[in-house]
PDB file of N, CA and C in Angstrom:
ATOM      1  N   MET A   1      26.450  -3.323  -7.155  1.00  0.00           N
ATOM      2  CA  MET A   1      25.722  -2.973  -5.879  1.00  0.00           C
ATOM      3  C   MET A   1      26.232  -3.475  -4.653  1.00  0.00           C
ATOM      4  N   GLY A   2      26.595  -4.731  -4.731  1.00  0.00           N
ATOM      5  CA  GLY A   2      27.186  -5.445  -3.401  1.00  0.00           C
ATOM      6  C   GLY A   2      28.340  -4.789  -3.099  1.00  0.00           C
ATOM      7  N   LEU A   3      29.351  -4.526  -4.150  1.00  0.00           N
ATOM      8  CA  LEU A   3      30.614  -3.964  -3.673  1.00  0.00           C
ATOM      9  C   LEU A   3      30.652  -2.714  -2.908  1.00  0.00           C
ATOM     10  N   GLN A   4      29.612  -1.851  -3.609  1.00  0.00           N
ATOM     11  CA  GLN A   4      29.173  -0.671  -2.795  1.00  0.00           C
ATOM     12  C   GLN A   4      28.728  -0.741  -1.334  1.00  0.00           C
ATOM     13  N   LEU A   5      27.785  -1.560  -1.222  1.00  0.00           N
ATOM     14  CA  LEU A   5      27.192  -1.960   0.049  1.00  0.00           C
ATOM     15  C   LEU A   5      28.302  -2.292   0.974  1.00  0.00           C
ATOM     16  N   LEU A   6      29.273  -3.096   0.599  1.00  0.00           N
ATOM     17  CA  LEU A   6      30.220  -3.702   1.495  1.00  0.00           C
ATOM     18  C   LEU A   6      31.194  -2.702   1.990  1.00  0.00           C
ATOM     19  N   ALA A   7      31.364  -1.744   0.990  1.00  0.00           N
ATOM     20  CA  ALA A   7      32.139  -0.584   1.352  1.00  0.00           C
ATOM     21  C   ALA A   7      31.584   0.339   2.319  1.00  0.00           C
ATOM     22  N   LEU A   8      30.220   0.291   2.492  1.00  0.00           N
ATOM     23  CA  LEU A   8      29.600   1.220   3.788  1.00  0.00           C
ATOM     24  C   LEU A   8      29.864   0.453   4.997  1.00  0.00           C
ATOM     25  N   GLY A   9      29.929  -0.731   4.973  1.00  0.00           N
ATOM     26  CA  GLY A   9      30.145  -1.441   6.637  1.00  0.00           C
ATOM     27  C   GLY A   9      29.252  -2.502   6.565  1.00  0.00           C
ATOM     28  N   ASP A  10      29.337  -3.286   7.492  1.00  0.00           N
ATOM     29  CA  ASP A  10      28.362  -4.391   7.895  1.00  0.00           C
ATOM     30  C   ASP A  10      27.041  -3.732   8.476  1.00  0.00           C
ATOM     31  N   THR A  11      27.021  -2.879   9.239  1.00  0.00           N
ATOM     32  CA  THR A  11      25.847  -2.230   9.823  1.00  0.00           C
ATOM     33  C   THR A  11      24.949  -1.643   8.693  1.00  0.00           C
ATOM     34  N   ALA A  12      25.478  -1.090   7.527  1.00  0.00           N
ATOM     35  CA  ALA A  12      24.536  -0.512   6.844  1.00  0.00           C
ATOM     36  C   ALA A  12      24.136  -1.734   5.707  1.00  0.00           C
ATOM     37  N   TRP A  13      24.740  -2.815   5.485  1.00  0.00           N
ATOM     38  CA  TRP A  13      24.393  -3.856   4.708  1.00  0.00           C
ATOM     39  C   TRP A  13      23.471  -4.836   5.411  1.00  0.00           C
ATOM     40  N   THR A  14      23.471  -4.850   6.887  1.00  0.00           N
ATOM     41  CA  THR A  14      22.400  -5.614   7.622  1.00  0.00           C
ATOM     42  C   THR A  14      21.286  -4.766   7.646  1.00  0.00           C
ATOM     43  N   LEU A  15      21.427  -3.385   7.838  1.00  0.00           N
ATOM     44  CA  LEU A  15      20.378  -2.565   7.741  1.00  0.00           C
ATOM     45  C   LEU A  15      19.434  -2.442   6.539  1.00  0.00           C
ATOM     46  N   TYR A  16      20.007  -2.338   5.448  1.00  0.00           N
ATOM     47  CA  TYR A  16      19.561  -2.656   3.979  1.00  0.00           C
ATOM     48  C   TYR A  16      18.844  -3.736   3.710  1.00  0.00           C
ATOM     49  N   ILE A  17      19.489  -4.991   4.144  1.00  0.00           N
ATOM     50  CA  ILE A  17      19.063  -6.290   4.069  1.00  0.00           C
ATOM     51  C   ILE A  17      17.780  -6.243   4.843  1.00  0.00           C
ATOM     52  N   THR A  18      17.634  -6.043   6.181  1.00  0.00           N
ATOM     53  CA  THR A  18      16.537  -5.940   7.097  1.00  0.00           C
ATOM     54  C   THR A  18      15.364  -5.024   6.556  1.00  0.00           C
ATOM     55  N   PHE A  19      15.539  -4.040   6.367  1.00  0.00           N
ATOM     56  CA  PHE A  19      14.291  -3.119   5.560  1.00  0.00           C
ATOM     57  C   PHE A  19      13.744  -3.642   4.353  1.00  0.00           C
ATOM     58  N   ALA A  20      14.730  -4.335   3.515  1.00  0.00           N
ATOM     59  CA  ALA A  20      14.186  -4.888   2.451  1.00  0.00           C
ATOM     60  C   ALA A  20      13.299  -5.891   2.582  1.00  0.00           C
ATOM     61  N   THR A  21      13.786  -6.914   3.405  1.00  0.00           N
ATOM     62  CA  THR A  21      13.194  -8.118   3.687  1.00  0.00           C
ATOM     63  C   THR A  21      11.794  -7.741   4.354  1.00  0.00           C
ATOM     64  N   ILE A  22      11.811  -6.901   5.290  1.00  0.00           N
ATOM     65  CA  ILE A  22      10.568  -6.289   5.903  1.00  0.00           C
ATOM     66  C   ILE A  22       9.429  -5.844   4.997  1.00  0.00           C
ATOM     67  N   PHE A  23       9.989  -4.848   4.195  1.00  0.00           N
ATOM     68  CA  PHE A  23       9.315  -4.321   3.096  1.00  0.00           C
ATOM     69  C   PHE A  23       8.609  -5.373   2.012  1.00  0.00           C
ATOM     70  N   LEU A  24       9.274  -6.050   1.742  1.00  0.00           N
ATOM     71  CA  LEU A  24       8.939  -7.344   0.863  1.00  0.00           C
ATOM     72  C   LEU A  24       8.023  -8.029   1.306  1.00  0.00           C
ATOM     73  N   VAL A  25       7.924  -8.558   2.557  1.00  0.00           N
ATOM     74  CA  VAL A  25       7.100  -9.253   3.263  1.00  0.00           C
ATOM     75  C   VAL A  25       5.793  -8.593   3.475  1.00  0.00           C
ATOM     76  N   ILE A  26       5.844  -7.261   3.865  1.00  0.00           N
ATOM     77  CA  ILE A  26       4.519  -6.492   3.859  1.00  0.00           C
ATOM     78  C   ILE A  26       3.977  -6.059   2.639  1.00  0.00           C
ATOM     79  N   ILE A  27       4.744  -6.138   1.473  1.00  0.00           N
ATOM     80  CA  ILE A  27       4.082  -5.919   0.217  1.00  0.00           C
ATOM     81  C   ILE A  27       3.420  -7.246  -0.203  1.00  0.00           C
ATOM     82  N   PHE A  28       3.969  -8.400   0.042  1.00  0.00           N
ATOM     83  CA  PHE A  28       3.491  -9.613  -0.330  1.00  0.00           C
ATOM     84  C   PHE A  28       2.212  -9.945   0.555  1.00  0.00           C
ATOM     85  N   ILE A  29       2.111  -9.469   1.781  1.00  0.00           N
ATOM     86  CA  ILE A  29       0.997  -9.623   2.455  1.00  0.00           C
ATOM     87  C   ILE A  29      -0.074  -8.812   2.070  1.00  0.00           C
ATOM     88  N   THR A  30       0.125  -7.390   1.795  1.00  0.00           N
ATOM     89  CA  THR A  30      -1.001  -6.560   1.100  1.00  0.00           C
ATOM     90  C   THR A  30      -1.344  -6.721  -0.071  1.00  0.00           C
ATOM     91  N   ALA A  31      -0.442  -7.503  -1.081  1.00  0.00           N
ATOM     92  CA  ALA A  31      -0.860  -7.895  -2.178  1.00  0.00           C
ATOM     93  C   ALA A  31      -1.951  -9.156  -2.144  1.00  0.00           C
ATOM     94  N   LEU A  32      -1.705  -9.965  -1.156  1.00  0.00           N
ATOM     95  CA  LEU A  32      -2.518 -11.342  -1.004  1.00  0.00           C
ATOM     96  C   LEU A  32      -3.939 -10.787  -0.528  1.00  0.00           C
ATOM     97  N   VAL A  33      -3.854  -9.684   0.457  1.00  0.00           N
ATOM     98  CA  VAL A  33      -5.035  -9.223   1.011  1.00  0.00           C
ATOM     99  C   VAL A  33      -5.828  -8.538   0.084  1.00  0.00           C
ATOM    100  N   SER A  34      -5.263  -7.807  -0.731  1.00  0.00           N
ATOM    101  CA  SER A  34      -6.068  -6.952  -1.769  1.00  0.00           C
ATOM    102  C   SER A  34      -6.579  -7.929  -2.802  1.00  0.00           C
ATOM    103  N   ILE A  35      -6.013  -8.930  -3.223  1.00  0.00           N
ATOM    104  CA  ILE A  35      -6.333 -10.069  -4.076  1.00  0.00           C
ATOM    105  C   ILE A  35      -7.805 -10.568  -3.350  1.00  0.00           C
ATOM    106  N   ILE A  36      -7.656 -10.995  -2.394  1.00  0.00           N
ATOM    107  CA  ILE A  36      -8.847 -11.501  -1.547  1.00  0.00           C
ATOM    108  C   ILE A  36      -9.953 -10.660  -1.361  1.00  0.00           C
ATOM    109  N   ILE A  37      -9.526  -9.209  -1.091  1.00  0.00           N
ATOM    110  CA  ILE A  37     -10.673  -8.406  -1.176  1.00  0.00           C
ATOM    111  C   ILE A  37     -11.479  -8.133  -2.403  1.00  0.00           C
ATOM    112  N   VAL A  38     -10.639  -7.959  -3.443  1.00  0.00           N
ATOM    113  CA  VAL A  38     -11.107  -7.743  -4.670  1.00  0.00           C
ATOM    114  C   VAL A  38     -12.113  -8.832  -5.345  1.00  0.00           C
ATOM    115  N   LEU A  39     -11.651 -10.307  -4.931  1.00  0.00           N
ATOM    116  CA  LEU A  39     -12.675 -11.159  -5.154  1.00  0.00           C
ATOM    117  C   LEU A  39     -13.773 -11.160  -4.320  1.00  0.00           C
ATOM    118  N   PHE A  40     -13.943 -10.652  -3.231  1.00  0.00           N
ATOM    119  CA  PHE A  40     -15.074 -10.588  -2.451  1.00  0.00           C
ATOM    120  C   PHE A  40     -15.994  -9.382  -2.915  1.00  0.00           C
ATOM    121  N   GLN A  41     -15.359  -8.598  -3.829  1.00  0.00           N
ATOM    122  CA  GLN A  41     -16.485  -7.571  -4.214  1.00  0.00           C
ATOM    123  C   GLN A  41     -17.335  -7.846  -5.468  1.00  0.00           C
ATOM    124  N   LYS A  42     -18.490  -7.082  -5.325  1.00  0.00           N
ATOM    125  CA  LYS A  42     -19.389  -7.321  -6.329  1.00  0.00           C
ATOM    126  C   LYS A  42     -19.065  -6.881  -7.847  1.00  0.00           C
ATOM    127  N   SER A  43     -19.645  -7.442  -8.709  1.00  0.00           N
ATOM    128  CA  SER A  43     -19.245  -6.952 -10.065  1.00  0.00           C
ATOM    129  C   SER A  43     -19.963  -5.493 -10.243  1.00  0.00           C
ATOM    130  N   ASN A  44     -19.544  -4.508 -11.040  1.00  0.00           N
ATOM    131  CA  ASN A  44     -20.239  -3.192 -11.166  1.00  0.00           C
ATOM    132  C   ASN A  44     -21.166  -3.456 -12.346  1.00  0.00           C
ATOM    133  N   SER A  45     -21.091  -4.532 -13.129  1.00  0.00           N
ATOM    134  CA  SER A  45     -22.138  -4.608 -14.384  1.00  0.00           C
ATOM    135  C   SER A  45     -23.235  -5.606 -13.803  1.00  0.00           C
ATOM    136  N   ASP A  46     -24.310  -5.132 -14.397  1.00  0.00           N
ATOM    137  CA  ASP A  46     -25.514  -5.979 -13.816  1.00  0.00           C
ATOM    138  C   ASP A  46     -25.620  -7.418 -14.624  1.00  0.00           C
ATOM    139  N   GLY A  47     -25.104  -7.527 -15.750  1.00  0.00           N
ATOM    140  CA  GLY A  47     -25.252  -8.757 -16.425  1.00  0.00           C
ATOM    141  C   GLY A  47     -26.786  -9.324 -16.419  1.00  0.00           C
ATOM    142  N   ILE A  48     -26.825 -10.659 -16.180  1.00  0.00           N
ATOM    143  CA  ILE A  48     -28.042 -11.188 -16.284  1.00  0.00           C
ATOM    144  C   ILE A  48     -28.890 -10.869 -15.021  1.00  0.00           C
ATOM    145  N   GLN A  49     -28.436 -10.396 -14.066  1.00  0.00           N
ATOM    146  CA  GLN A  49     -29.175  -9.936 -13.062  1.00  0.00           C
ATOM    147  C   GLN A  49     -29.988  -8.856 -13.312  1.00  0.00           C
ATOM    148  N   GLY A  50     -29.409  -7.892 -14.260  1.00  0.00           N
ATOM    149  CA  GLY A  50     -30.127  -6.741 -14.438  1.00  0.00           C
ATOM    150  C   GLY A  50     -31.539  -7.120 -15.374  1.00  0.00           C
ATOM    151  N   ILE A  51     -31.640  -8.179 -15.905  1.00  0.00           N
ATOM    152  CA  ILE A  51     -32.645  -8.468 -16.740  1.00  0.00           C
ATOM    153  C   ILE A  51     -34.123  -8.828 -15.785  1.00  0.00           C
ATOM    154  N   THR A  52     -33.701  -9.691 -14.951  1.00  0.00           N
ATOM    155  CA  THR A  52     -34.900 -10.038 -13.968  1.00  0.00           C
ATOM    156  C   THR A  52     -35.035  -9.045 -12.809  1.00  0.00           C
ATOM    157  N   ALA A  53     -36.250  -8.973 -12.196  1.00  0.00           N
ATOM    158  CA  ALA A  53     -36.758  -8.078 -11.184  1.00  0.00           C
ATOM    159  C   ALA A  53     -35.852  -8.523  -9.952  1.00  0.00           C
ATOM    160  N   SER A  54     -35.554  -7.406  -9.343  1.00  0.00           N
ATOM    161  CA  SER A  54     -34.842  -7.514  -7.952  1.00  0.00           C
ATOM    162  C   SER A  54     -35.997  -7.177  -6.659  1.00  0.00           C
ATOM    163  N   SER A  55     -35.823  -7.955  -6.035  1.00  0.00           N
ATOM    164  CA  SER A  55     -36.911  -7.966  -4.654  1.00  0.00           C
ATOM    165  C   SER A  55     -36.162  -7.432  -3.430  1.00  0.00           C
ATOM    166  N   GLU A  56     -35.086  -6.753  -3.630  1.00  0.00           N
ATOM    167  CA  GLU A  56     -34.438  -6.446  -2.485  1.00  0.00           C
ATOM    168  C   GLU A  56     -35.134  -5.301  -1.502  1.00  0.00           C
ATOM    169  N   THR A  57     -35.037  -5.225  -0.215  1.00  0.00           N
ATOM    170  CA  THR A  57     -35.623  -4.223   0.563  1.00  0.00           C
ATOM    171  C   THR A  57     -34.539  -3.002   0.546  1.00  0.00           C
ATOM    172  N   PHE A  58     -35.349  -1.892   1.017  1.00  0.00           N
ATOM    173  CA  PHE A  58     -34.523  -0.693   1.199  1.00  0.00           C
ATOM    174  C   PHE A  58     -33.247  -1.062   2.261  1.00  0.00           C
ATOM    175  N   PHE A  59     -33.435  -1.636   3.278  1.00  0.00           N
ATOM    176  CA  PHE A  59     -32.513  -1.763   4.310  1.00  0.00           C
ATOM    177  C   PHE A  59     -31.260  -2.813   3.791  1.00  0.00           C
ATOM    178  N   GLY A  60     -31.917  -3.859   3.058  1.00  0.00           N
ATOM    179  CA  GLY A  60     -30.953  -4.814   2.681  1.00  0.00           C
ATOM    180  C   GLY A  60     -30.146  -4.308   1.676  1.00  0.00           C
ATOM    181  N   LYS A  61     -30.566  -3.304   0.778  1.00  0.00           N
ATOM    182  CA  LYS A  61     -29.870  -2.776  -0.376  1.00  0.00           C
ATOM    183  C   LYS A  61     -28.907  -1.911   0.048  1.00  0.00           C
ATOM    184  N   ASN A  62     -29.237  -1.077   1.255  1.00  0.00           N
ATOM    185  CA  ASN A  62     -28.145  -0.090   2.041  1.00  0.00           C
ATOM    186  C   ASN A  62     -26.934  -0.946   2.698  1.00  0.00           C
ATOM    187  N   ARG A  63     -27.475  -1.896   3.210  1.00  0.00           N
ATOM    188  CA  ARG A  63     -26.337  -2.757   4.011  1.00  0.00           C
ATOM    189  C   ARG A  63     -25.385  -3.528   3.004  1.00  0.00           C
ATOM    190  N   GLY A  64     -25.856  -3.762   1.839  1.00  0.00           N
ATOM    191  CA  GLY A  64     -25.020  -4.184   0.781  1.00  0.00           C
ATOM    192  C   GLY A  64     -24.085  -3.134   0.184  1.00  0.00           C
ATOM    193  N   GLN A  65     -24.428  -1.886  -0.013  1.00  0.00           N
ATOM    194  CA  GLN A  65     -23.671  -0.929  -0.330  1.00  0.00           C
ATOM    195  C   GLN A  65     -22.797  -0.514   0.739  1.00  0.00           C
ATOM    196  N   SER A  66     -23.061  -0.724   1.865  1.00  0.00           N
ATOM    197  CA  SER A  66     -22.061  -0.378   3.236  1.00  0.00           C
ATOM    198  C   SER A  66     -20.803  -1.284   2.998  1.00  0.00           C
ATOM    199  N   ILE A  67     -21.198  -2.487   2.927  1.00  0.00           N
ATOM    200  CA  ILE A  67     -20.110  -3.513   2.881  1.00  0.00           C
ATOM    201  C   ILE A  67     -19.286  -3.277   1.648  1.00  0.00           C
ATOM    202  N   GLU A  68     -20.136  -3.001   0.548  1.00  0.00           N
ATOM    203  CA  GLU A  68     -19.174  -2.739  -0.691  1.00  0.00           C
ATOM    204  C   GLU A  68     -18.206  -1.747  -0.832  1.00  0.00           C
ATOM    205  N   ASN A  69     -18.806  -0.549   0.007  1.00  0.00           N
ATOM    206  CA  ASN A  69     -17.979   0.681   0.294  1.00  0.00           C
ATOM    207  C   ASN A  69     -16.834   0.286   1.160  1.00  0.00           C
ATOM    208  N   LYS A  70     -17.083  -0.515   2.241  1.00  0.00           N
ATOM    209  CA  LYS A  70     -15.704  -0.777   2.946  1.00  0.00           C
ATOM    210  C   LYS A  70     -14.695  -1.605   2.398  1.00  0.00           C
ATOM    211  N   LEU A  71     -15.154  -2.393   1.388  1.00  0.00           N
ATOM    212  CA  LEU A  71     -14.345  -3.226   0.706  1.00  0.00           C
ATOM    213  C   LEU A  71     -13.497  -2.427  -0.233  1.00  0.00           C
ATOM    214  N   LYS A  72     -14.407  -1.480  -0.916  1.00  0.00           N
ATOM    215  CA  LYS A  72     -13.521  -0.536  -1.815  1.00  0.00           C
ATOM    216  C   LYS A  72     -12.492   0.086  -1.025  1.00  0.00           C
ATOM    217  N   LYS A  73     -12.950   0.704   0.083  1.00  0.00           N
ATOM    218  CA  LYS A  73     -11.903   1.489   0.892  1.00  0.00           C
ATOM    219  C   LYS A  73     -10.575   0.577   1.246  1.00  0.00           C
ATOM    220  N   TRP A  74     -10.944  -0.331   1.906  1.00  0.00           N
ATOM    221  CA  TRP A  74      -9.853  -1.251   2.152  1.00  0.00           C
ATOM    222  C   TRP A  74      -8.871  -1.741   0.808  1.00  0.00           C
ATOM    223  N   THR A  75      -9.509  -1.884  -0.189  1.00  0.00           N
ATOM    224  CA  THR A  75      -8.761  -2.202  -1.495  1.00  0.00           C
ATOM    225  C   THR A  75      -7.773  -1.021  -1.633  1.00  0.00           C
ATOM    226  N   TRP A  76      -8.263   0.037  -1.541  1.00  0.00           N
ATOM    227  CA  TRP A  76      -7.431   1.310  -1.915  1.00  0.00           C
ATOM    228  C   TRP A  76      -6.343   1.611  -0.805  1.00  0.00           C
ATOM    229  N   VAL A  77      -6.809   1.127   0.482  1.00  0.00           N
ATOM    230  CA  VAL A  77      -5.647   1.279   1.434  1.00  0.00           C
ATOM    231  C   VAL A  77      -4.651   0.326   1.321  1.00  0.00           C
ATOM    232  N   CYS A  78      -4.987  -0.971   0.949  1.00  0.00           N
ATOM    233  CA  CYS A  78      -3.868  -1.859   0.791  1.00  0.00           C
ATOM    234  C   CYS A  78      -3.083  -1.809  -0.462  1.00  0.00           C
ATOM    235  N   LEU A  79      -3.635  -1.150  -1.629  1.00  0.00           N
ATOM    236  CA  LEU A  79      -2.891  -0.673  -2.904  1.00  0.00           C
ATOM    237  C   LEU A  79      -2.016   0.673  -2.444  1.00  0.00           C
ATOM    238  N   GLY A  80      -2.416   1.364  -1.784  1.00  0.00           N
ATOM    239  CA  GLY A  80      -1.617   2.578  -1.189  1.00  0.00           C
ATOM    240  C   GLY A  80      -0.565   2.224  -0.230  1.00  0.00           C
ATOM    241  N   VAL A  81      -0.853   1.497   0.466  1.00  0.00           N
ATOM    242  CA  VAL A  81       0.496   0.597   1.469  1.00  0.00           C
ATOM    243  C   VAL A  81       1.421   0.102   0.522  1.00  0.00           C
ATOM    244  N   MET A  82       1.045  -0.655  -0.441  1.00  0.00           N
ATOM    245  CA  MET A  82       1.811  -1.383  -1.394  1.00  0.00           C
ATOM    246  C   MET A  82       2.718  -0.260  -2.241  1.00  0.00           C
ATOM    247  N   ALA A  83       2.032   0.618  -2.732  1.00  0.00           N
ATOM    248  CA  ALA A  83       2.763   1.790  -3.429  1.00  0.00           C
ATOM    249  C   ALA A  83       3.721   2.425  -2.718  1.00  0.00           C
ATOM    250  N   VAL A  84       3.318   2.820  -1.383  1.00  0.00           N
ATOM    251  CA  VAL A  84       4.395   3.433  -0.530  1.00  0.00           C
ATOM    252  C   VAL A  84       5.483   2.602  -0.210  1.00  0.00           C
ATOM    253  N   LEU A  85       5.171   1.676   0.104  1.00  0.00           N
ATOM    254  CA  LEU A  85       6.425   0.515   0.501  1.00  0.00           C
ATOM    255  C   LEU A  85       7.475   0.328  -0.773  1.00  0.00           C
ATOM    256  N   SER A  86       6.657   0.268  -1.775  1.00  0.00           N
ATOM    257  CA  SER A  86       7.533  -0.183  -2.970  1.00  0.00           C
ATOM    258  C   SER A  86       8.333   1.094  -3.377  1.00  0.00           C
ATOM    259  N   PHE A  87       7.722   2.270  -3.290  1.00  0.00           N
ATOM    260  CA  PHE A  87       8.459   3.515  -3.522  1.00  0.00           C
ATOM    261  C   PHE A  87       9.643   3.747  -2.506  1.00  0.00           C
ATOM    262  N   ALA A  88       9.489   3.387  -1.307  1.00  0.00           N
ATOM    263  CA  ALA A  88      10.264   3.597  -0.243  1.00  0.00           C
ATOM    264  C   ALA A  88      11.589   2.543  -0.428  1.00  0.00           C
ATOM    265  N   LEU A  89      11.259   1.351  -0.775  1.00  0.00           N
ATOM    266  CA  LEU A  89      12.186   0.315  -1.029  1.00  0.00           C
ATOM    267  C   LEU A  89      13.128   0.944  -2.251  1.00  0.00           C
ATOM    268  N   TYR A  90      12.443   1.180  -3.096  1.00  0.00           N
ATOM    269  CA  TYR A  90      13.021   1.838  -4.457  1.00  0.00           C
ATOM    270  C   TYR A  90      14.237   3.056  -4.191  1.00  0.00           C
ATOM    271  N   ILE A  91      13.665   3.907  -3.154  1.00  0.00           N
ATOM    272  CA  ILE A  91      14.463   5.088  -2.883  1.00  0.00           C
ATOM    273  C   ILE A  91      15.538   4.772  -1.781  1.00  0.00           C
ATOM    274  N   ILE A  92      15.389   3.632  -0.868  1.00  0.00           N
ATOM    275  CA  ILE A  92      16.467   3.313  -0.116  1.00  0.00           C
ATOM    276  C   ILE A  92      17.441   2.559  -0.959  1.00  0.00           C
ATOM    277  N   GLY A  93      16.990   1.694  -1.936  1.00  0.00           N
ATOM    278  CA  GLY A  93      17.779   1.133  -2.801  1.00  0.00           C
ATOM    279  C   GLY A  93      18.771   2.192  -3.641  1.00  0.00           C
ATOM    280  N   LEU A  94      18.315   3.279  -4.004  1.00  0.00           N
ATOM    281  CA  LEU A  94      19.057   4.406  -4.598  1.00  0.00           C
ATOM    282  C   LEU A  94      20.170   5.038  -3.725  1.00  0.00           C
ATOM    283  N   ILE A  95      19.667   5.129  -2.499  1.00  0.00           N
ATOM    284  CA  ILE A  95      20.323   5.593  -1.485  1.00  0.00           C
ATOM    285  C   ILE A  95      21.722   5.035  -1.090  1.00  0.00           C
ATOM    286  N   VAL A  96      21.332   3.834  -1.182  1.00  0.00           N
ATOM    287  CA  VAL A  96      22.452   2.644  -0.949  1.00  0.00           C
ATOM    288  C   VAL A  96      23.568   2.538  -1.938  1.00  0.00           C
ATOM    289  N   GLN A  97      23.099   2.490  -3.162  1.00  0.00           N
ATOM    290  CA  GLN A  97      23.828   2.675  -4.329  1.00  0.00           C
ATOM    291  C   GLN A  97      24.647   3.781  -4.308  1.00  0.00           C
TER     292      GLN A  97
END
């Protein structure tokens, strides 16, 4: 692959390395953010908490679900960004080859 890139010229090689580096840094950052977001999310299973009686109020319960929904939405956004950038990096690699 290196010989083919050198045949394209210095500009193509520099452009490829620049895009690859930027995409990989963004993928790494979104991976870390998605890991942190997933760790903040509540578990779907009740576990021991389901055995005991819950004394949550209506407003407290809705607030928690709102935060959970935002965390789930941002998890999907981060994973979508990672998928799109990974696919774009792969396509750029194929084009350059």
